[in-house]
Structures are given as C-alpha cells and as structure tokens.
C-alpha cells in the first residue's frame, strides 16, 4: 500500500541518494531561461521553523545545478547523510528561483516531503 501524495510531493527512503529534476515555467507555461539564476530547495519540519533541516542551492554544484539554462532545467541532489538522521515523518519543502533580475519565485510551493524508513540501515 502506498501513501497518496499530492502532485508536488516527494517521497524518499531515509538514508538514500535521490536526484530531482525540474523544469521552471512561467504563468503562461513558457520555459524560463535560468542563465545566471539561483535555485534554493529547503526542507523543514513546518513552514514556521526558522532554519531548514535540509537546504540545497546552486551555489554548490554538488547540491543542485542548472543543467540546461535556456530550457529551464535544473537538478537537486539528495545525499544519504541529508536524510539519514531524520525520523520517518512528513516534512514540508519548497523550491525557489532567484533570477538575475532579482525577481524571486516559488516554483514549487510548500509541499510534502515524506521520509520513509528503510529496512537496511547502511552506516555513513
């Protein structure tokens, strides 16, 4: 039996690697040129928490990267240590883009980030 998750939700098994791909589009569904832009992915227990449990940015290419800027494509990389110590619960996440113009947009609004327990716990 699988938990039904809303469209933007993410489900990961605790302590695993996972890559998320996204294509950024504007309100008219046109691809946004991400050349020089910054992507920020954050996970928190609740939106009101002051600090994220996980945060990935394109400032560090091992965390996230814009793969095809003119096609609005980016990737976010989760490593085992990002979720290894999290409890198997539902958290919240969002993804923001900051364009070179300084405009900021939530390209994925607050959504569910579900961490599931794994059977095998592999030490880091």
PDB file of N, CA and C in Angstrom:
ATOM      1  N   UNK A   1       0.853  -1.177   0.000  1.00  0.00           N
ATOM      2  CA  UNK A   1       0.000   0.000   0.000  1.00  0.00           C
ATOM      3  C   UNK A   1       0.894   1.233   0.000  1.00  0.00           C
ATOM      4  N   UNK A   2       0.569   2.164  -0.827  1.00  0.00           N
ATOM      5  CA  UNK A   2       1.365   3.381  -0.963  1.00  0.00           C
ATOM      6  C   UNK A   2       0.569   4.576  -0.463  1.00  0.00           C
ATOM      7  N   UNK A   3       1.258   5.481   0.195  1.00  0.00           N
ATOM      8  CA  UNK A   3       0.648   6.715   0.664  1.00  0.00           C
ATOM      9  C   UNK A   3       0.353   7.603  -0.537  1.00  0.00           C
ATOM     10  N   UNK A   4      -0.864   8.104  -0.636  1.00  0.00           N
ATOM     11  CA  UNK A   4      -1.205   9.014  -1.725  1.00  0.00           C
ATOM     12  C   UNK A   4      -0.668  10.397  -1.397  1.00  0.00           C
ATOM     13  N   UNK A   5       0.141  10.921  -2.282  1.00  0.00           N
ATOM     14  CA  UNK A   5       0.764  12.215  -2.066  1.00  0.00           C
ATOM     15  C   UNK A   5       0.298  13.204  -3.131  1.00  0.00           C
ATOM     16  N   UNK A   6       0.142  14.465  -2.770  1.00  0.00           N
ATOM     17  CA  UNK A   6      -0.212  15.481  -3.764  1.00  0.00           C
ATOM     18  C   UNK A   6       0.834  15.571  -4.874  1.00  0.00           C
ATOM     19  N   UNK A   7       0.483  16.238  -5.950  1.00  0.00           N
ATOM     20  CA  UNK A   7       1.306  16.309  -7.161  1.00  0.00           C
ATOM     21  C   UNK A   7       2.758  16.707  -6.921  1.00  0.00           C
ATOM     22  N   UNK A   8       3.027  17.714  -6.113  1.00  0.00           N
ATOM     23  CA  UNK A   8       4.390  18.207  -5.922  1.00  0.00           C
ATOM     24  C   UNK A   8       5.151  17.489  -4.826  1.00  0.00           C
ATOM     25  N   UNK A   9       4.559  16.486  -4.212  1.00  0.00           N
ATOM     26  CA  UNK A   9       5.180  15.830  -3.076  1.00  0.00           C
ATOM     27  C   UNK A   9       6.360  14.960  -3.479  1.00  0.00           C
ATOM     28  N   UNK A  10       7.251  14.770  -2.519  1.00  0.00           N
ATOM     29  CA  UNK A  10       8.437  13.931  -2.695  1.00  0.00           C
ATOM     30  C   UNK A  10       8.423  12.870  -1.613  1.00  0.00           C
ATOM     31  N   UNK A  11       8.774  11.660  -1.989  1.00  0.00           N
ATOM     32  CA  UNK A  11       8.885  10.562  -1.029  1.00  0.00           C
ATOM     33  C   UNK A  11      10.283   9.971  -1.172  1.00  0.00           C
ATOM     34  N   UNK A  12      11.010   9.865  -0.052  1.00  0.00           N
ATOM     35  CA  UNK A  12      12.354   9.280  -0.065  1.00  0.00           C
ATOM     36  C   UNK A  12      12.466   8.251   1.048  1.00  0.00           C
ATOM     37  N   UNK A  13      13.305   7.264   0.819  1.00  0.00           N
ATOM     38  CA  UNK A  13      13.630   6.311   1.876  1.00  0.00           C
ATOM     39  C   UNK A  13      14.817   6.890   2.631  1.00  0.00           C
ATOM     40  N   UNK A  14      14.694   6.936   3.936  1.00  0.00           N
ATOM     41  CA  UNK A  14      15.738   7.531   4.789  1.00  0.00           C
ATOM     42  C   UNK A  14      17.109   6.954   4.439  1.00  0.00           C
ATOM     43  N   UNK A  15      18.092   7.837   4.267  1.00  0.00           N
ATOM     44  CA  UNK A  15      19.472   7.428   4.029  1.00  0.00           C
ATOM     45  C   UNK A  15      19.798   7.061   2.588  1.00  0.00           C
ATOM     46  N   UNK A  16      18.919   7.382   1.636  1.00  0.00           N
ATOM     47  CA  UNK A  16      19.204   7.051   0.239  1.00  0.00           C
ATOM     48  C   UNK A  16      19.614   8.298  -0.546  1.00  0.00           C
ATOM     49  N   UNK A  17      20.196   8.061  -1.704  1.00  0.00           N
ATOM     50  CA  UNK A  17      20.518   9.135  -2.648  1.00  0.00           C
ATOM     51  C   UNK A  17      19.327   9.300  -3.569  1.00  0.00           C
ATOM     52  N   UNK A  18      19.077  10.526  -3.995  1.00  0.00           N
ATOM     53  CA  UNK A  18      17.982  10.771  -4.929  1.00  0.00           C
ATOM     54  C   UNK A  18      18.260  12.072  -5.677  1.00  0.00           C
ATOM     55  N   UNK A  19      17.919  12.079  -6.964  1.00  0.00           N
ATOM     56  CA  UNK A  19      18.068  13.268  -7.791  1.00  0.00           C
ATOM     57  C   UNK A  19      16.691  13.706  -8.253  1.00  0.00           C
ATOM     58  N   UNK A  20      16.391  14.981  -8.085  1.00  0.00           N
ATOM     59  CA  UNK A  20      15.119  15.551  -8.527  1.00  0.00           C
ATOM     60  C   UNK A  20      15.393  16.461  -9.709  1.00  0.00           C
ATOM     61  N   UNK A  21      14.615  16.287 -10.752  1.00  0.00           N
ATOM     62  CA  UNK A  21      14.742  17.148 -11.919  1.00  0.00           C
ATOM     63  C   UNK A  21      13.522  18.035 -12.006  1.00  0.00           C
ATOM     64  N   UNK A  22      13.741  19.290 -12.380  1.00  0.00           N
ATOM     65  CA  UNK A  22      12.604  20.183 -12.558  1.00  0.00           C
ATOM     66  C   UNK A  22      12.817  21.063 -13.773  1.00  0.00           C
ATOM     67  N   UNK A  23      11.711  21.489 -14.347  1.00  0.00           N
ATOM     68  CA  UNK A  23      11.715  22.444 -15.447  1.00  0.00           C
ATOM     69  C   UNK A  23      10.913  23.645 -14.982  1.00  0.00           C
ATOM     70  N   UNK A  24      11.529  24.811 -14.978  1.00  0.00           N
ATOM     71  CA  UNK A  24      10.894  26.026 -14.489  1.00  0.00           C
ATOM     72  C   UNK A  24      10.128  26.690 -15.637  1.00  0.00           C
ATOM     73  N   UNK A  25       8.835  26.942 -15.384  1.00  0.00           N
ATOM     74  CA  UNK A  25       7.959  27.575 -16.372  1.00  0.00           C
ATOM     75  C   UNK A  25       7.274  28.777 -15.734  1.00  0.00           C
ATOM     76  N   UNK A  26       6.924  29.751 -16.559  1.00  0.00           N
ATOM     77  CA  UNK A  26       6.220  30.932 -16.053  1.00  0.00           C
ATOM     78  C   UNK A  26       4.713  30.696 -16.040  1.00  0.00           C
ATOM     79  N   UNK A  27       3.955  31.721 -15.678  1.00  0.00           N
ATOM     80  CA  UNK A  27       2.495  31.598 -15.586  1.00  0.00           C
ATOM     81  C   UNK A  27       1.837  31.240 -16.910  1.00  0.00           C
ATOM     82  N   UNK A  28       2.491  31.565 -18.026  1.00  0.00           N
ATOM     83  CA  UNK A  28       1.951  31.243 -19.354  1.00  0.00           C
ATOM     84  C   UNK A  28       2.447  29.881 -19.837  1.00  0.00           C
ATOM     85  N   UNK A  29       3.115  29.118 -18.933  1.00  0.00           N
ATOM     86  CA  UNK A  29       3.657  27.790 -19.210  1.00  0.00           C
ATOM     87  C   UNK A  29       4.854  27.818 -20.169  1.00  0.00           C
ATOM     88  N   UNK A  30       5.470  28.988 -20.358  1.00  0.00           N
ATOM     89  CA  UNK A  30       6.673  29.094 -21.179  1.00  0.00           C
ATOM     90  C   UNK A  30       7.890  28.797 -20.306  1.00  0.00           C
ATOM     91  N   UNK A  31       8.877  28.134 -20.884  1.00  0.00           N
ATOM     92  CA  UNK A  31      10.107  27.808 -20.168  1.00  0.00           C
ATOM     93  C   UNK A  31      10.831  29.101 -19.789  1.00  0.00           C
ATOM     94  N   UNK A  32      11.370  29.143 -18.571  1.00  0.00           N
ATOM     95  CA  UNK A  32      12.109  30.306 -18.067  1.00  0.00           C
ATOM     96  C   UNK A  32      13.601  30.064 -18.274  1.00  0.00           C
ATOM     97  N   UNK A  33      14.276  31.026 -18.883  1.00  0.00           N
ATOM     98  CA  UNK A  33      15.725  30.943 -19.062  1.00  0.00           C
ATOM     99  C   UNK A  33      16.385  31.145 -17.692  1.00  0.00           C
ATOM    100  N   UNK A  34      17.109  30.147 -17.245  1.00  0.00           N
ATOM    101  CA  UNK A  34      17.729  30.178 -15.911  1.00  0.00           C
ATOM    102  C   UNK A  34      19.190  30.604 -15.938  1.00  0.00           C
ATOM    103  N   UNK A  35      19.668  31.110 -17.044  1.00  0.00           N
ATOM    104  CA  UNK A  35      21.059  31.532 -17.142  1.00  0.00           C
ATOM    105  C   UNK A  35      21.374  32.537 -16.025  1.00  0.00           C
ATOM    106  N   UNK A  36      22.368  32.201 -15.198  1.00  0.00           N
ATOM    107  CA  UNK A  36      22.780  33.082 -14.109  1.00  0.00           C
ATOM    108  C   UNK A  36      21.867  33.074 -12.904  1.00  0.00           C
ATOM    109  N   UNK A  37      20.822  32.260 -12.925  1.00  0.00           N
ATOM    110  CA  UNK A  37      19.860  32.218 -11.813  1.00  0.00           C
ATOM    111  C   UNK A  37      20.354  31.333 -10.673  1.00  0.00           C
ATOM    112  N   UNK A  38      19.627  31.370  -9.585  1.00  0.00           N
ATOM    113  CA  UNK A  38      19.947  30.581  -8.392  1.00  0.00           C
ATOM    114  C   UNK A  38      18.705  29.786  -7.998  1.00  0.00           C
ATOM    115  N   UNK A  39      18.878  28.504  -7.670  1.00  0.00           N
ATOM    116  CA  UNK A  39      17.789  27.642  -7.204  1.00  0.00           C
ATOM    117  C   UNK A  39      18.042  27.323  -5.733  1.00  0.00           C
ATOM    118  N   UNK A  40      16.986  27.365  -4.921  1.00  0.00           N
ATOM    119  CA  UNK A  40      17.094  27.021  -3.494  1.00  0.00           C
ATOM    120  C   UNK A  40      15.996  26.023  -3.149  1.00  0.00           C
ATOM    121  N   UNK A  41      16.379  24.877  -2.604  1.00  0.00           N
ATOM    122  CA  UNK A  41      15.485  23.814  -2.159  1.00  0.00           C
ATOM    123  C   UNK A  41      15.631  23.709  -0.643  1.00  0.00           C
ATOM    124  N   UNK A  42      14.521  23.765   0.086  1.00  0.00           N
ATOM    125  CA  UNK A  42      14.579  23.703   1.558  1.00  0.00           C
ATOM    126  C   UNK A  42      13.556  22.720   2.093  1.00  0.00           C
ATOM    127  N   UNK A  43      13.947  22.007   3.148  1.00  0.00           N
ATOM    128  CA  UNK A  43      13.064  21.082   3.861  1.00  0.00           C
ATOM    129  C   UNK A  43      13.030  21.499   5.325  1.00  0.00           C
ATOM    130  N   UNK A  44      11.818  21.594   5.876  1.00  0.00           N
ATOM    131  CA  UNK A  44      11.639  21.944   7.287  1.00  0.00           C
ATOM    132  C   UNK A  44      10.598  21.019   7.918  1.00  0.00           C
ATOM    133  N   UNK A  45      10.560  21.021   9.240  1.00  0.00           N
ATOM    134  CA  UNK A  45       9.512  20.292   9.949  1.00  0.00           C
ATOM    135  C   UNK A  45       8.172  20.980   9.718  1.00  0.00           C
ATOM    136  N   UNK A  46       8.176  22.312   9.747  1.00  0.00           N
ATOM    137  CA  UNK A  46       6.977  23.096   9.440  1.00  0.00           C
ATOM    138  C   UNK A  46       7.436  24.397   8.786  1.00  0.00           C
ATOM    139  N   UNK A  47       6.560  25.044   8.005  1.00  0.00           N
ATOM    140  CA  UNK A  47       6.961  26.296   7.349  1.00  0.00           C
ATOM    141  C   UNK A  47       7.397  27.378   8.325  1.00  0.00           C
ATOM    142  N   UNK A  48       6.930  27.330   9.563  1.00  0.00           N
ATOM    143  CA  UNK A  48       7.258  28.358  10.550  1.00  0.00           C
ATOM    144  C   UNK A  48       8.645  28.185  11.163  1.00  0.00           C
ATOM    145  N   UNK A  49       9.292  27.031  10.968  1.00  0.00           N
ATOM    146  CA  UNK A  49      10.621  26.813  11.543  1.00  0.00           C
ATOM    147  C   UNK A  49      11.613  27.841  11.000  1.00  0.00           C
ATOM    148  N   UNK A  50      12.475  28.387  11.864  1.00  0.00           N
ATOM    149  CA  UNK A  50      13.415  29.413  11.394  1.00  0.00           C
ATOM    150  C   UNK A  50      14.527  28.864  10.493  1.00  0.00           C
ATOM    151  N   UNK A  51      14.966  27.628  10.722  1.00  0.00           N
ATOM    152  CA  UNK A  51      16.075  27.063   9.949  1.00  0.00           C
ATOM    153  C   UNK A  51      15.657  25.759   9.270  1.00  0.00           C
ATOM    154  N   UNK A  52      16.157  25.526   8.059  1.00  0.00           N
ATOM    155  CA  UNK A  52      15.822  24.277   7.375  1.00  0.00           C
ATOM    156  C   UNK A  52      16.607  23.086   7.929  1.00  0.00           C
ATOM    157  N   UNK A  53      16.007  21.909   7.811  1.00  0.00           N
ATOM    158  CA  UNK A  53      16.705  20.664   8.135  1.00  0.00           C
ATOM    159  C   UNK A  53      17.653  20.292   6.997  1.00  0.00           C
ATOM    160  N   UNK A  54      17.206  20.578   5.779  1.00  0.00           N
ATOM    161  CA  UNK A  54      17.997  20.342   4.567  1.00  0.00           C
ATOM    162  C   UNK A  54      17.862  21.591   3.704  1.00  0.00           C
ATOM    163  N   UNK A  55      18.963  22.054   3.146  1.00  0.00           N
ATOM    164  CA  UNK A  55      18.891  23.134   2.162  1.00  0.00           C
ATOM    165  C   UNK A  55      19.947  22.883   1.093  1.00  0.00           C
ATOM    166  N   UNK A  56      19.508  22.951  -0.155  1.00  0.00           N
ATOM    167  CA  UNK A  56      20.381  22.739  -1.307  1.00  0.00           C
ATOM    168  C   UNK A  56      20.277  23.962  -2.202  1.00  0.00           C
ATOM    169  N   UNK A  57      21.420  24.439  -2.696  1.00  0.00           N
ATOM    170  CA  UNK A  57      21.407  25.595  -3.587  1.00  0.00           C
ATOM    171  C   UNK A  57      22.350  25.356  -4.758  1.00  0.00           C
ATOM    172  N   UNK A  58      22.123  26.100  -5.808  1.00  0.00           N
ATOM    173  CA  UNK A  58      23.019  26.032  -6.957  1.00  0.00           C
ATOM    174  C   UNK A  58      24.334  26.758  -6.697  1.00  0.00           C
ATOM    175  N   UNK A  59      24.492  27.317  -5.490  1.00  0.00           N
ATOM    176  CA  UNK A  59      25.782  27.908  -5.100  1.00  0.00           C
ATOM    177  C   UNK A  59      26.845  26.815  -4.995  1.00  0.00           C
ATOM    178  N   UNK A  60      26.391  25.564  -4.770  1.00  0.00           N
ATOM    179  CA  UNK A  60      27.279  24.413  -4.638  1.00  0.00           C
ATOM    180  C   UNK A  60      26.804  23.360  -5.633  1.00  0.00           C
ATOM    181  N   UNK A  61      27.559  23.121  -6.692  1.00  0.00           N
ATOM    182  CA  UNK A  61      27.134  22.240  -7.781  1.00  0.00           C
ATOM    183  C   UNK A  61      26.917  20.797  -7.335  1.00  0.00           C
ATOM    184  N   UNK A  62      27.469  20.396  -6.185  1.00  0.00           N
ATOM    185  CA  UNK A  62      27.215  19.043  -5.693  1.00  0.00           C
ATOM    186  C   UNK A  62      25.853  18.942  -5.007  1.00  0.00           C
ATOM    187  N   UNK A  63      25.216  20.081  -4.723  1.00  0.00           N
ATOM    188  CA  UNK A  63      23.898  20.100  -4.087  1.00  0.00           C
ATOM    189  C   UNK A  63      22.780  20.276  -5.101  1.00  0.00           C
ATOM    190  N   UNK A  64      22.986  21.171  -6.046  1.00  0.00           N
ATOM    191  CA  UNK A  64      21.981  21.476  -7.073  1.00  0.00           C
ATOM    192  C   UNK A  64      22.681  22.166  -8.225  1.00  0.00           C
ATOM    193  N   UNK A  65      22.116  22.005  -9.416  1.00  0.00           N
ATOM    194  CA  UNK A  65      22.710  22.677 -10.566  1.00  0.00           C
ATOM    195  C   UNK A  65      21.655  22.976 -11.617  1.00  0.00           C
ATOM    196  N   UNK A  66      21.909  24.018 -12.364  1.00  0.00           N
ATOM    197  CA  UNK A  66      21.080  24.346 -13.525  1.00  0.00           C
ATOM    198  C   UNK A  66      21.730  23.603 -14.678  1.00  0.00           C
ATOM    199  N   UNK A  67      21.031  22.610 -15.219  1.00  0.00           N
ATOM    200  CA  UNK A  67      21.634  21.721 -16.210  1.00  0.00           C
ATOM    201  C   UNK A  67      21.516  22.233 -17.639  1.00  0.00           C
ATOM    202  N   UNK A  68      20.370  22.774 -18.011  1.00  0.00           N
ATOM    203  CA  UNK A  68      20.154  23.339 -19.348  1.00  0.00           C
ATOM    204  C   UNK A  68      19.447  24.681 -19.144  1.00  0.00           C
ATOM    205  N   UNK A  69      20.220  25.761 -18.938  1.00  0.00           N
ATOM    206  CA  UNK A  69      19.632  27.047 -18.562  1.00  0.00           C
ATOM    207  C   UNK A  69      18.528  27.547 -19.487  1.00  0.00           C
ATOM    208  N   UNK A  70      18.751  27.504 -20.788  1.00  0.00           N
ATOM    209  CA  UNK A  70      17.757  28.050 -21.729  1.00  0.00           C
ATOM    210  C   UNK A  70      16.487  27.218 -21.797  1.00  0.00           C
ATOM    211  N   UNK A  71      16.536  25.979 -21.294  1.00  0.00           N
ATOM    212  CA  UNK A  71      15.344  25.121 -21.259  1.00  0.00           C
ATOM    213  C   UNK A  71      14.731  25.080 -19.860  1.00  0.00           C
ATOM    214  N   UNK A  72      15.255  25.896 -18.940  1.00  0.00           N
ATOM    215  CA  UNK A  72      14.708  25.983 -17.595  1.00  0.00           C
ATOM    216  C   UNK A  72      14.910  24.740 -16.759  1.00  0.00           C
ATOM    217  N   UNK A  73      15.911  23.939 -17.079  1.00  0.00           N
ATOM    218  CA  UNK A  73      16.110  22.646 -16.403  1.00  0.00           C
ATOM    219  C   UNK A  73      17.155  22.738 -15.285  1.00  0.00           C
ATOM    220  N   UNK A  74      16.807  22.098 -14.176  1.00  0.00           N
ATOM    221  CA  UNK A  74      17.706  22.068 -13.020  1.00  0.00           C
ATOM    222  C   UNK A  74      17.584  20.726 -12.320  1.00  0.00           C
ATOM    223  N   UNK A  75      18.589  20.401 -11.514  1.00  0.00           N
ATOM    224  CA  UNK A  75      18.587  19.179 -10.709  1.00  0.00           C
ATOM    225  C   UNK A  75      18.948  19.522  -9.275  1.00  0.00           C
ATOM    226  N   UNK A  76      18.339  18.766  -8.359  1.00  0.00           N
ATOM    227  CA  UNK A  76      18.640  18.879  -6.932  1.00  0.00           C
ATOM    228  C   UNK A  76      19.085  17.499  -6.481  1.00  0.00           C
ATOM    229  N   UNK A  77      20.192  17.436  -5.757  1.00  0.00           N
ATOM    230  CA  UNK A  77      20.784  16.162  -5.359  1.00  0.00           C
ATOM    231  C   UNK A  77      20.665  15.946  -3.849  1.00  0.00           C
ATOM    232  N   UNK A  78      20.010  14.867  -3.456  1.00  0.00           N
ATOM    233  CA  UNK A  78      19.997  14.463  -2.048  1.00  0.00           C
ATOM    234  C   UNK A  78      21.038  13.374  -1.858  1.00  0.00           C
ATOM    235  N   UNK A  79      21.813  13.512  -0.802  1.00  0.00           N
ATOM    236  CA  UNK A  79      22.821  12.519  -0.439  1.00  0.00           C
ATOM    237  C   UNK A  79      22.321  11.739   0.768  1.00  0.00           C
ATOM    238  N   UNK A  80      22.846  10.543   1.018  1.00  0.00           N
ATOM    239  CA  UNK A  80      22.374   9.742   2.152  1.00  0.00           C
ATOM    240  C   UNK A  80      22.386  10.488   3.486  1.00  0.00           C
ATOM    241  N   UNK A  81      23.424  11.289   3.752  1.00  0.00           N
ATOM    242  CA  UNK A  81      23.504  11.983   5.040  1.00  0.00           C
ATOM    243  C   UNK A  81      22.459  13.086   5.197  1.00  0.00           C
ATOM    244  N   UNK A  82      21.775  13.492   4.113  1.00  0.00           N
ATOM    245  CA  UNK A  82      20.724  14.508   4.219  1.00  0.00           C
ATOM    246  C   UNK A  82      19.518  13.991   4.991  1.00  0.00           C
ATOM    247  N   UNK A  83      19.214  12.705   4.847  1.00  0.00           N
ATOM    248  CA  UNK A  83      18.005  12.149   5.479  1.00  0.00           C
ATOM    249  C   UNK A  83      18.301  11.057   6.498  1.00  0.00           C
ATOM    250  N   UNK A  84      19.552  10.632   6.606  1.00  0.00           N
ATOM    251  CA  UNK A  84      19.933   9.510   7.485  1.00  0.00           C
ATOM    252  C   UNK A  84      19.444   9.690   8.924  1.00  0.00           C
ATOM    253  N   UNK A  85      19.493  10.906   9.448  1.00  0.00           N
ATOM    254  CA  UNK A  85      19.126  11.122  10.853  1.00  0.00           C
ATOM    255  C   UNK A  85      17.696  11.640  11.032  1.00  0.00           C
ATOM    256  N   UNK A  86      16.970  11.836   9.936  1.00  0.00           N
ATOM    257  CA  UNK A  86      15.585  12.300  10.056  1.00  0.00           C
ATOM    258  C   UNK A  86      14.666  11.164  10.455  1.00  0.00           C
ATOM    259  N   UNK A  87      13.657  11.489  11.250  1.00  0.00           N
ATOM    260  CA  UNK A  87      12.646  10.499  11.591  1.00  0.00           C
ATOM    261  C   UNK A  87      11.784  10.231  10.366  1.00  0.00           C
ATOM    262  N   UNK A  88      11.195   9.058  10.312  1.00  0.00           N
ATOM    263  CA  UNK A  88      10.289   8.708   9.219  1.00  0.00           C
ATOM    264  C   UNK A  88       8.970   9.440   9.465  1.00  0.00           C
ATOM    265  N   UNK A  89       8.871  10.627   8.905  1.00  0.00           N
ATOM    266  CA  UNK A  89       7.714  11.512   9.081  1.00  0.00           C
ATOM    267  C   UNK A  89       7.458  12.279   7.795  1.00  0.00           C
ATOM    268  N   UNK A  90       6.415  13.092   7.818  1.00  0.00           N
ATOM    269  CA  UNK A  90       6.173  14.024   6.724  1.00  0.00           C
ATOM    270  C   UNK A  90       6.698  15.399   7.134  1.00  0.00           C
ATOM    271  N   UNK A  91       7.496  15.980   6.260  1.00  0.00           N
ATOM    272  CA  UNK A  91       8.053  17.305   6.442  1.00  0.00           C
ATOM    273  C   UNK A  91       7.469  18.198   5.346  1.00  0.00           C
ATOM    274  N   UNK A  92       7.919  19.434   5.250  1.00  0.00           N
ATOM    275  CA  UNK A  92       7.499  20.323   4.168  1.00  0.00           C
ATOM    276  C   UNK A  92       8.736  20.784   3.406  1.00  0.00           C
ATOM    277  N   UNK A  93       8.551  21.052   2.121  1.00  0.00           N
ATOM    278  CA  UNK A  93       9.647  21.580   1.309  1.00  0.00           C
ATOM    279  C   UNK A  93       9.094  22.575   0.309  1.00  0.00           C
ATOM    280  N   UNK A  94       9.980  23.390  -0.213  1.00  0.00           N
ATOM    281  CA  UNK A  94       9.641  24.238  -1.352  1.00  0.00           C
ATOM    282  C   UNK A  94      10.899  24.458  -2.180  1.00  0.00           C
ATOM    283  N   UNK A  95      10.702  24.987  -3.388  1.00  0.00           N
ATOM    284  CA  UNK A  95      11.820  25.300  -4.277  1.00  0.00           C
ATOM    285  C   UNK A  95      11.603  26.709  -4.806  1.00  0.00           C
ATOM    286  N   UNK A  96      12.628  27.532  -4.673  1.00  0.00           N
ATOM    287  CA  UNK A  96      12.581  28.917  -5.144  1.00  0.00           C
ATOM    288  C   UNK A  96      13.617  29.124  -6.231  1.00  0.00           C
ATOM    289  N   UNK A  97      13.339  30.071  -7.121  1.00  0.00           N
ATOM    290  CA  UNK A  97      14.322  30.504  -8.110  1.00  0.00           C
ATOM    291  C   UNK A  97      14.499  32.010  -7.947  1.00  0.00           C
ATOM    292  N   UNK A  98      15.750  32.437  -8.005  1.00  0.00           N
ATOM    293  CA  UNK A  98      16.067  33.866  -7.987  1.00  0.00           C
ATOM    294  C   UNK A  98      16.717  34.163  -9.338  1.00  0.00           C
ATOM    295  N   UNK A  99      16.025  34.952 -10.159  1.00  0.00           N
ATOM    296  CA  UNK A  99      16.517  35.294 -11.483  1.00  0.00           C
ATOM    297  C   UNK A  99      17.592  36.362 -11.399  1.00  0.00           C
ATOM    298  N   UNK A 100      18.357  36.530 -12.460  1.00  0.00           N
ATOM    299  CA  UNK A 100      19.417  37.541 -12.468  1.00  0.00           C
ATOM    300  C   UNK A 100      18.845  38.947 -12.311  1.00  0.00           C
ATOM    301  N   UNK A 101      17.563  39.120 -12.630  1.00  0.00           N
ATOM    302  CA  UNK A 101      16.900  40.428 -12.461  1.00  0.00           C
ATOM    303  C   UNK A 101      16.618  40.735 -10.995  1.00  0.00           C
ATOM    304  N   UNK A 102      16.772  39.706 -10.135  1.00  0.00           N
ATOM    305  CA  UNK A 102      16.464  39.871  -8.717  1.00  0.00           C
ATOM    306  C   UNK A 102      15.070  39.389  -8.361  1.00  0.00           C
ATOM    307  N   UNK A 103      14.232  39.089  -9.361  1.00  0.00           N
ATOM    308  CA  UNK A 103      12.890  38.570  -9.084  1.00  0.00           C
ATOM    309  C   UNK A 103      12.994  37.189  -8.475  1.00  0.00           C
ATOM    310  N   UNK A 104      12.090  36.923  -7.507  1.00  0.00           N
ATOM    311  CA  UNK A 104      12.085  35.647  -6.781  1.00  0.00           C
ATOM    312  C   UNK A 104      10.730  34.987  -6.933  1.00  0.00           C
ATOM    313  N   UNK A 105      10.754  33.678  -7.190  1.00  0.00           N
ATOM    314  CA  UNK A 105       9.511  32.934  -7.380  1.00  0.00           C
ATOM    315  C   UNK A 105       9.589  31.583  -6.679  1.00  0.00           C
ATOM    316  N   UNK A 106       8.500  31.196  -6.044  1.00  0.00           N
ATOM    317  CA  UNK A 106       8.381  29.839  -5.508  1.00  0.00           C
ATOM    318  C   UNK A 106       7.921  28.970  -6.664  1.00  0.00           C
ATOM    319  N   UNK A 107       8.838  28.200  -7.244  1.00  0.00           N
ATOM    320  CA  UNK A 107       8.481  27.363  -8.389  1.00  0.00           C
ATOM    321  C   UNK A 107       7.826  26.062  -7.960  1.00  0.00           C
ATOM    322  N   UNK A 108       8.071  25.646  -6.724  1.00  0.00           N
ATOM    323  CA  UNK A 108       7.311  24.562  -6.099  1.00  0.00           C
ATOM    324  C   UNK A 108       6.863  25.124  -4.755  1.00  0.00           C
ATOM    325  N   UNK A 109       5.559  25.339  -4.570  1.00  0.00           N
ATOM    326  CA  UNK A 109       5.079  25.875  -3.298  1.00  0.00           C
ATOM    327  C   UNK A 109       5.258  24.858  -2.174  1.00  0.00           C
ATOM    328  N   UNK A 110       5.002  25.268  -0.946  1.00  0.00           N
ATOM    329  CA  UNK A 110       5.107  24.352   0.188  1.00  0.00           C
ATOM    330  C   UNK A 110       4.371  23.055  -0.111  1.00  0.00           C
ATOM    331  N   UNK A 111       5.103  21.959  -0.027  1.00  0.00           N
ATOM    332  CA  UNK A 111       4.573  20.641  -0.365  1.00  0.00           C
ATOM    333  C   UNK A 111       5.116  19.610   0.612  1.00  0.00           C
ATOM    334  N   UNK A 112       4.615  18.396   0.514  1.00  0.00           N
ATOM    335  CA  UNK A 112       5.004  17.324   1.437  1.00  0.00           C
ATOM    336  C   UNK A 112       6.322  16.675   1.004  1.00  0.00           C
ATOM    337  N   UNK A 113       7.212  16.504   1.966  1.00  0.00           N
ATOM    338  CA  UNK A 113       8.465  15.774   1.807  1.00  0.00           C
ATOM    339  C   UNK A 113       8.382  14.606   2.788  1.00  0.00           C
ATOM    340  N   UNK A 114       8.047  13.426   2.288  1.00  0.00           N
ATOM    341  CA  UNK A 114       7.821  12.265   3.143  1.00  0.00           C
ATOM    342  C   UNK A 114       9.086  11.412   3.226  1.00  0.00           C
ATOM    343  N   UNK A 115       9.557  11.183   4.443  1.00  0.00           N
ATOM    344  CA  UNK A 115      10.705  10.309   4.673  1.00  0.00           C
ATOM    345  C   UNK A 115      10.158   8.985   5.184  1.00  0.00           C
ATOM    346  N   UNK A 116      10.496   7.918   4.472  1.00  0.00           N
ATOM    347  CA  UNK A 116      10.041   6.580   4.838  1.00  0.00           C
ATOM    348  C   UNK A 116      11.205   5.812   5.447  1.00  0.00           C
ATOM    349  N   UNK A 117      10.907   4.918   6.385  1.00  0.00           N
ATOM    350  CA  UNK A 117      12.005   4.130   6.972  1.00  0.00           C
ATOM    351  C   UNK A 117      12.526   3.117   5.967  1.00  0.00           C
ATOM    352  N   UNK A 118      13.786   2.806   6.070  1.00  0.00           N
ATOM    353  CA  UNK A 118      14.372   1.738   5.266  1.00  0.00           C
ATOM    354  C   UNK A 118      14.509   0.503   6.130  1.00  0.00           C
ATOM    355  N   UNK A 119      14.539  -0.630   5.529  1.00  0.00           N
ATOM    356  CA  UNK A 119      14.734  -1.871   6.266  1.00  0.00           C
ATOM    357  C   UNK A 119      16.201  -2.017   6.659  1.00  0.00           C
ATOM    358  N   UNK A 120      17.084  -1.739   5.714  1.00  0.00           N
ATOM    359  CA  UNK A 120      18.519  -1.842   5.950  1.00  0.00           C
ATOM    360  C   UNK A 120      19.066  -0.459   6.255  1.00  0.00           C
ATOM    361  N   UNK A 121      19.749  -0.320   7.364  1.00  0.00           N
ATOM    362  CA  UNK A 121      20.379   0.962   7.713  1.00  0.00           C
ATOM    363  C   UNK A 121      21.874   0.833   7.400  1.00  0.00           C
ATOM    364  N   UNK A 122      22.297   1.537   6.394  1.00  0.00           N
ATOM    365  CA  UNK A 122      23.685   1.481   5.952  1.00  0.00           C
ATOM    366  C   UNK A 122      24.447   2.615   6.613  1.00  0.00           C
ATOM    367  N   UNK A 123      25.509   2.329   7.370  1.00  0.00           N
ATOM    368  CA  UNK A 123      26.260   3.404   8.029  1.00  0.00           C
ATOM    369  C   UNK A 123      26.869   4.359   7.006  1.00  0.00           C
ATOM    370  N   UNK A 124      26.970   5.609   7.388  1.00  0.00           N
ATOM    371  CA  UNK A 124      27.582   6.614   6.507  1.00  0.00           C
ATOM    372  C   UNK A 124      29.078   6.448   6.478  1.00  0.00           C
TER     373      UNK A 124
END
